[in-house]
Protein backbone atom coordinates (compact mmCIF):
# COMPACT_ATOMS: atom_id res chain seq x y z
CA MET A 1 0.18 -0.11 -0.45
CA LYS A 2 1.52 3.12 -1.00
CA SER A 3 1.87 5.71 2.00
CA GLN A 4 -0.52 8.80 1.99
CA CYS A 5 2.45 11.49 2.99
CA TRP A 6 4.36 10.62 -0.26
CA ALA A 7 1.66 9.61 -2.64
CA SER A 8 0.53 13.55 -3.43
CA VAL A 9 40.50 14.62 -10.10
CA ARG A 10 40.32 16.14 -13.99
CA ALA A 11 37.64 14.92 -14.40
CA PRO A 12 38.28 13.46 -18.03
CA GLU A 13 40.84 11.04 -16.97
CA ARG A 14 39.09 9.85 -13.61
CA PRO A 15 36.15 7.46 -13.15
CA ARG A 16 32.69 8.70 -12.79
CA ALA A 17 29.62 7.16 -10.93
CA GLN A 18 26.11 6.89 -13.40
CA LEU A 19 23.41 9.02 -11.43
CA HIS A 20 20.01 8.20 -12.65
CA CYS A 21 20.25 10.82 -14.71
CA SER A 22 23.93 12.31 -15.07
CA TYR A 23 27.04 11.32 -14.42
CA SER A 24 29.29 12.61 -11.06
CA PRO A 25 33.11 12.14 -10.36
CA ILE A 26 33.81 9.40 -7.98
CA PHE A 27 36.14 11.66 -6.30
CA PHE A 28 35.24 15.23 -5.22
CA ALA A 29 36.04 17.74 -2.43
CA GLY A 30 33.39 18.40 0.56
CA THR A 31 33.24 22.43 1.89
CA TYR A 32 31.79 21.56 5.71
CA GLU A 33 32.51 24.20 8.31
CA MET A 34 34.42 26.46 5.89
CA GLU A 35 32.72 29.96 5.02
CA GLY A 36 34.35 33.03 3.46
CA GLN A 37 38.03 33.68 1.60
CA GLU A 38 38.99 30.35 3.34
CA VAL A 39 36.32 27.97 1.44
CA TYR A 40 36.57 30.37 -1.66
CA ASN A 41 40.60 29.29 -1.81
CA ALA A 42 40.26 25.66 -1.03
CA VAL A 43 37.58 25.11 -3.93
CA ARG A 44 40.40 26.93 -6.29
CA TRP A 45 42.81 24.66 -4.70
CA ALA A 46 40.61 21.71 -5.31
CA LEU A 47 39.53 22.89 -8.75
CA GLU A 48 43.27 23.29 -9.77
CA ALA A 49 44.19 20.15 -8.48
CA GLY A 50 42.23 18.16 -11.04
CA TYR A 51 38.70 17.63 -8.66
CA ARG A 52 35.26 18.46 -10.48
CA HIS A 53 32.95 17.58 -7.92
CA ILE A 54 31.90 20.02 -5.26
CA ASP A 55 29.84 19.58 -2.48
CA SER A 56 27.90 22.67 -0.56
CA ALA A 57 25.06 22.83 1.32
CA GLU A 58 22.62 25.54 1.98
CA TRP A 59 23.22 24.76 6.08
CA TYR A 60 27.21 25.44 5.55
CA TYR A 61 26.49 28.86 4.47
CA ASN A 62 28.97 29.00 1.74
CA GLU A 63 26.93 28.81 -1.66
CA GLN A 64 28.26 32.00 -2.84
CA GLU A 65 31.67 31.42 -2.43
CA CYS A 66 31.38 27.83 -3.66
CA GLY A 67 29.60 29.14 -7.05
CA ARG A 68 31.98 31.94 -7.44
CA ALA A 69 34.97 29.67 -7.21
CA ILE A 70 34.13 28.10 -9.69
CA LYS A 71 33.05 30.61 -12.22
CA ASP A 72 36.78 32.18 -11.39
CA PHE A 73 38.33 28.89 -12.43
CA CYS A 74 36.23 27.94 -15.34
CA THR A 75 37.09 31.69 -16.42
CA ALA A 76 40.70 31.57 -16.03
CA THR A 77 41.11 28.44 -17.32
CA GLY A 78 38.30 28.06 -20.19
CA THR A 79 36.92 25.26 -18.57
CA PRO A 80 33.01 24.84 -19.20
CA ARG A 81 30.30 25.00 -16.76
CA GLU A 82 29.28 21.66 -17.66
CA ALA A 83 32.75 19.69 -16.36
CA ILE A 84 31.96 20.53 -12.95
CA PHE A 85 29.79 18.67 -10.57
CA PHE A 86 28.38 21.15 -7.64
CA THR A 87 25.86 19.51 -5.18
CA THR A 88 24.06 21.44 -2.55
CA LYS A 89 21.35 20.74 0.25
CA LEU A 90 18.49 21.58 1.81
CA MET A 91 18.34 22.37 5.42
CA THR A 92 15.20 21.62 6.90
CA ASN A 93 12.07 19.92 5.39
CA SER A 94 9.78 21.91 6.24
CA SER A 95 7.03 22.26 3.81
CA TYR A 96 6.55 21.67 -0.25
CA ALA A 97 6.79 25.55 -0.48
CA GLY A 98 9.66 25.76 2.26
CA ALA A 99 11.58 23.32 0.06
CA LYS A 100 10.86 25.38 -3.56
CA ALA A 101 12.13 28.51 -1.95
CA SER A 102 15.12 27.16 -0.24
CA LEU A 103 16.14 25.46 -3.45
CA ARG A 104 15.89 28.64 -5.62
CA LYS A 105 17.64 30.82 -2.83
CA SER A 106 20.22 28.36 -3.30
CA LEU A 107 20.78 28.57 -6.95
CA LYS A 108 20.51 32.51 -6.55
CA ALA A 109 23.68 31.51 -4.13
CA CYS A 110 25.60 29.77 -6.63
CA SER A 111 24.29 31.48 -9.31
CA LEU A 112 26.01 28.75 -11.79
CA GLY A 113 22.54 28.44 -13.69
CA TYR A 114 21.88 25.11 -12.39
CA ILE A 115 22.37 22.69 -9.72
CA ASP A 116 23.86 19.39 -10.75
CA LEU A 117 22.98 17.33 -7.55
CA TYR A 118 20.54 18.43 -4.81
CA LEU A 119 19.89 16.76 -1.75
CA LEU A 120 17.59 16.44 1.30
CA HIS A 121 20.06 17.39 4.10
CA SER A 122 18.57 14.61 6.62
CA PRO A 123 15.24 12.75 7.22
CA ILE A 124 14.43 14.77 10.20
CA GLY A 125 11.33 15.88 9.83
CA GLY A 126 8.92 13.22 9.71
CA PRO A 127 7.13 11.26 6.89
CA GLN A 128 4.86 14.25 5.64
CA LYS A 129 7.34 16.73 5.73
CA ARG A 130 9.97 14.61 3.56
CA ALA A 131 6.91 13.49 1.42
CA ASP A 132 7.01 17.36 0.87
CA SER A 133 10.02 17.93 0.19
CA TRP A 134 10.88 14.84 -2.32
CA ARG A 135 7.93 16.39 -4.37
CA ALA A 136 9.85 20.07 -4.07
CA ALA A 137 13.11 18.58 -5.40
CA MET A 138 11.40 16.30 -8.11
CA GLU A 139 9.40 19.31 -9.17
CA ALA A 140 12.61 21.58 -9.42
CA LYS A 141 14.33 18.53 -11.49
CA ALA A 142 11.39 18.00 -14.03
CA GLU A 143 11.89 22.32 -14.47
CA GLY A 144 15.75 21.73 -15.57
CA LEU A 145 16.92 23.95 -12.25
CA VAL A 146 18.42 20.34 -11.20
CA LYS A 147 19.87 17.03 -12.50
CA SER A 148 19.69 15.32 -10.24
CA ILE A 149 18.27 14.68 -6.55
CA GLY A 150 19.34 12.39 -3.52
CA VAL A 151 18.88 12.53 0.39
CA SER A 152 21.62 12.30 3.18
CA CYS A 153 20.92 10.21 6.33
CA PHE A 154 18.37 8.18 5.44
CA SER A 155 17.83 5.02 6.66
CA THR A 156 15.91 2.00 5.16
CA VAL A 157 12.98 3.07 6.94
CA HIS A 158 13.11 6.06 4.90
CA LEU A 159 14.03 4.75 1.12
CA ASP A 160 10.91 2.27 2.03
CA GLU A 161 8.69 4.89 1.74
CA MET A 162 9.71 5.75 -1.03
CA VAL A 163 9.96 2.11 -2.25
CA GLU A 164 6.03 1.64 -0.88
CA ALA A 165 4.97 5.11 -2.39
CA GLY A 166 6.13 4.71 -6.29
CA VAL A 167 8.12 7.73 -6.34
CA GLU A 168 11.01 8.58 -8.16
CA LEU A 169 14.13 7.16 -6.11
CA PRO A 170 17.24 8.96 -4.81
CA ALA A 171 20.15 9.39 -6.91
CA ILE A 172 22.17 9.39 -4.09
CA ASN A 173 22.03 8.60 -0.25
CA GLN A 174 25.58 10.43 1.26
CA ILE A 175 25.96 9.08 4.74
CA ASP A 176 28.94 8.31 7.00
CA LEU A 177 30.65 5.48 5.83
CA HIS A 178 33.92 4.52 6.90
CA PRO A 179 36.10 1.30 8.18
CA PHE A 180 34.37 2.57 11.53
CA MET A 181 30.77 2.65 10.75
CA THR A 182 30.13 0.22 7.51
CA ARG A 183 26.58 0.28 7.93
CA THR A 184 26.08 -3.06 5.80
CA GLU A 185 22.19 -2.95 5.91
CA ILE A 186 21.95 0.37 4.27
CA VAL A 187 25.13 -0.29 1.80
CA ALA A 188 22.77 -3.71 0.79
CA TYR A 189 19.49 -1.63 0.40
CA CYS A 190 21.09 1.14 -1.46
CA ARG A 191 22.74 -1.28 -4.07
CA ARG A 192 19.48 -3.54 -4.27
CA HIS A 193 17.94 -0.19 -5.44
CA ASN A 194 20.55 1.34 -7.78
CA ILE A 195 21.03 4.12 -5.39
CA ALA A 196 24.98 5.56 -5.55
CA LEU A 197 26.59 5.90 -1.76
CA GLU A 198 28.32 8.77 -0.91
CA ALA A 199 30.98 9.22 1.70
CA TRP A 200 30.87 11.82 3.98
CA ALA A 201 33.26 11.50 6.26
CA PRO A 202 35.03 8.73 4.67
CA LEU A 203 38.58 10.34 6.44
CA VAL A 204 36.43 9.89 10.23
CA ARG A 205 37.18 13.22 10.85
CA GLY A 206 40.77 12.04 11.92
CA MET A 207 39.58 10.46 14.68
CA ARG A 208 41.11 7.07 13.85
CA PHE A 209 44.14 8.22 11.58
CA ARG A 210 46.70 6.49 14.37
CA HIS A 211 44.45 3.22 14.16
CA PRO A 212 47.30 0.10 14.41
CA LYS A 213 45.93 -1.16 10.81
CA LEU A 214 45.73 2.11 9.05
CA VAL A 215 49.48 3.16 9.91
CA GLU A 216 50.65 -0.37 8.97
CA LEU A 217 48.51 -0.05 5.70
CA ALA A 218 50.10 3.29 4.86
CA LYS A 219 53.78 2.42 6.18
CA LYS A 220 53.23 -0.93 3.45
CA TYR A 221 52.22 1.35 0.58
CA ASP A 222 54.82 4.63 1.31
CA LYS A 223 51.28 6.47 2.34
CA GLU A 224 49.13 8.53 4.57
CA PRO A 225 46.42 7.11 6.69
CA ALA A 226 44.29 9.57 5.03
CA HIS A 227 45.00 7.55 1.71
CA VAL A 228 44.63 4.58 2.96
CA LEU A 229 40.93 5.20 4.07
CA ILE A 230 39.52 7.04 0.73
CA ARG A 231 41.43 4.29 -1.38
CA TYR A 232 38.76 1.90 1.16
CA SER A 233 35.96 4.20 -0.15
CA LEU A 234 37.10 4.01 -3.49
CA GLN A 235 37.46 0.43 -3.70
CA LYS A 236 34.12 -0.37 -1.59
CA GLY A 237 32.49 1.99 -4.59
CA PHE A 238 31.19 4.98 -3.15
CA ILE A 239 32.02 8.09 -3.62
CA PRO A 240 34.36 9.80 -1.40
CA LEU A 241 33.95 13.22 0.07
CA PRO A 242 37.13 14.37 1.61
CA LYS A 243 37.25 17.86 3.15
CA SER A 244 40.44 20.13 3.99
CA SER A 245 41.04 23.70 3.63
CA LYS A 246 44.52 22.88 3.55
CA LYS A 247 46.11 22.98 -0.06
CA GLU A 248 48.77 20.34 0.61
CA ARG A 249 46.54 17.99 2.01
CA ILE A 250 43.61 18.83 -1.20
CA GLU A 251 46.79 17.74 -3.93
CA GLY A 252 48.02 14.96 -1.80
CA ASN A 253 44.77 12.90 -1.41
CA LEU A 254 44.57 12.12 -4.91
CA LYS A 255 47.36 9.70 -3.87
CA ALA A 256 44.93 7.64 -3.19
CA PHE A 257 44.52 6.69 -7.18
CA GLU A 258 48.65 5.68 -6.89
CA PHE A 259 47.80 2.50 -5.23
CA GLU A 260 45.35 -0.23 -4.67
CA LEU A 261 44.32 -2.34 -1.65
CA THR A 262 43.92 -6.30 -1.51
CA ASP A 263 40.47 -8.24 -1.02
CA GLN A 264 42.01 -8.83 2.46
CA GLU A 265 43.08 -5.81 3.28
CA ILE A 266 39.30 -4.76 2.55
CA ALA A 267 38.38 -7.02 4.25
CA GLU A 268 40.16 -6.59 7.69
CA LEU A 269 39.52 -3.04 7.44
CA ASP A 270 35.83 -3.63 7.20
CA SER A 271 35.92 -5.24 10.17
CA LEU A 272 36.95 -2.55 11.92
CA ASP A 273 33.28 -1.50 12.42
CA GLU A 274 32.35 0.14 15.70
CA TYR A 275 29.67 2.26 14.93
CA LEU A 276 31.43 5.27 15.19
CA VAL A 277 29.65 8.19 14.20
CA THR A 278 31.80 11.09 13.47
CA ASP A 279 29.69 14.44 13.92
CA TRP A 280 25.56 13.43 13.60
CA ASP A 281 23.61 10.38 12.69
CA PRO A 282 19.43 11.03 12.12
CA THR A 283 19.23 8.02 10.67
CA ASN A 284 17.03 6.47 13.56
CA THR A 285 14.89 10.12 13.24
CA PRO A 286 10.85 8.77 12.72
């Protein structure tokens, strides 16, 4: 029975993940907790290093600076806007009208002409407000304001609402994923329904850089623990979202493409799961 709530990297050189209606670079730069000149610099450095996917959000209050950095980079290098993949997110599931207004506000702030990927930032708000926000997102996609739509921090329960309602499913679920938070049930569910998985804290916010297994693998491959964690995410088929405001780290993270972990090493990293929450975890929201 259908729910009544829901019824109404140098891009050419790096692999891209196919979403429902577009292609996303499989490696991109996050901008969480960055504003002003700091985020502008970080985005420019990332684009100059070869990243082609920039992640922002209404909640980050940096859409304008991200958009300006992208436009300035495109102008300076002759790179077409279409070569850059820009993601932003709806802050609050408040209402259908509220979601539509927020989306247009984000579109105006970034000033990029359209948004490549628009996400509901969380499931908070309850079934009706999630459904209303999703309806607004689907309409924005139909109008060409956004290319793809998705969600963040949705559990299998939240995704089930959408499946049962028969609505368009998210192209992506952006969620906390790393060896210390493997979320095997959500991962399996998303794969069954062709929903790409984006890891928004692939570096575990630095909380486990000294873990013996990461130190061991970093030493073996002559890399840093951060590179091992990004490589793990890539080999698991996730889209990693490493975030840094430092130029050397932004550039250095690309070293994750220089080596490959063995199947045994991936399994050993999987075994480290401890349900480690690195920031927030609204997946249990009703």
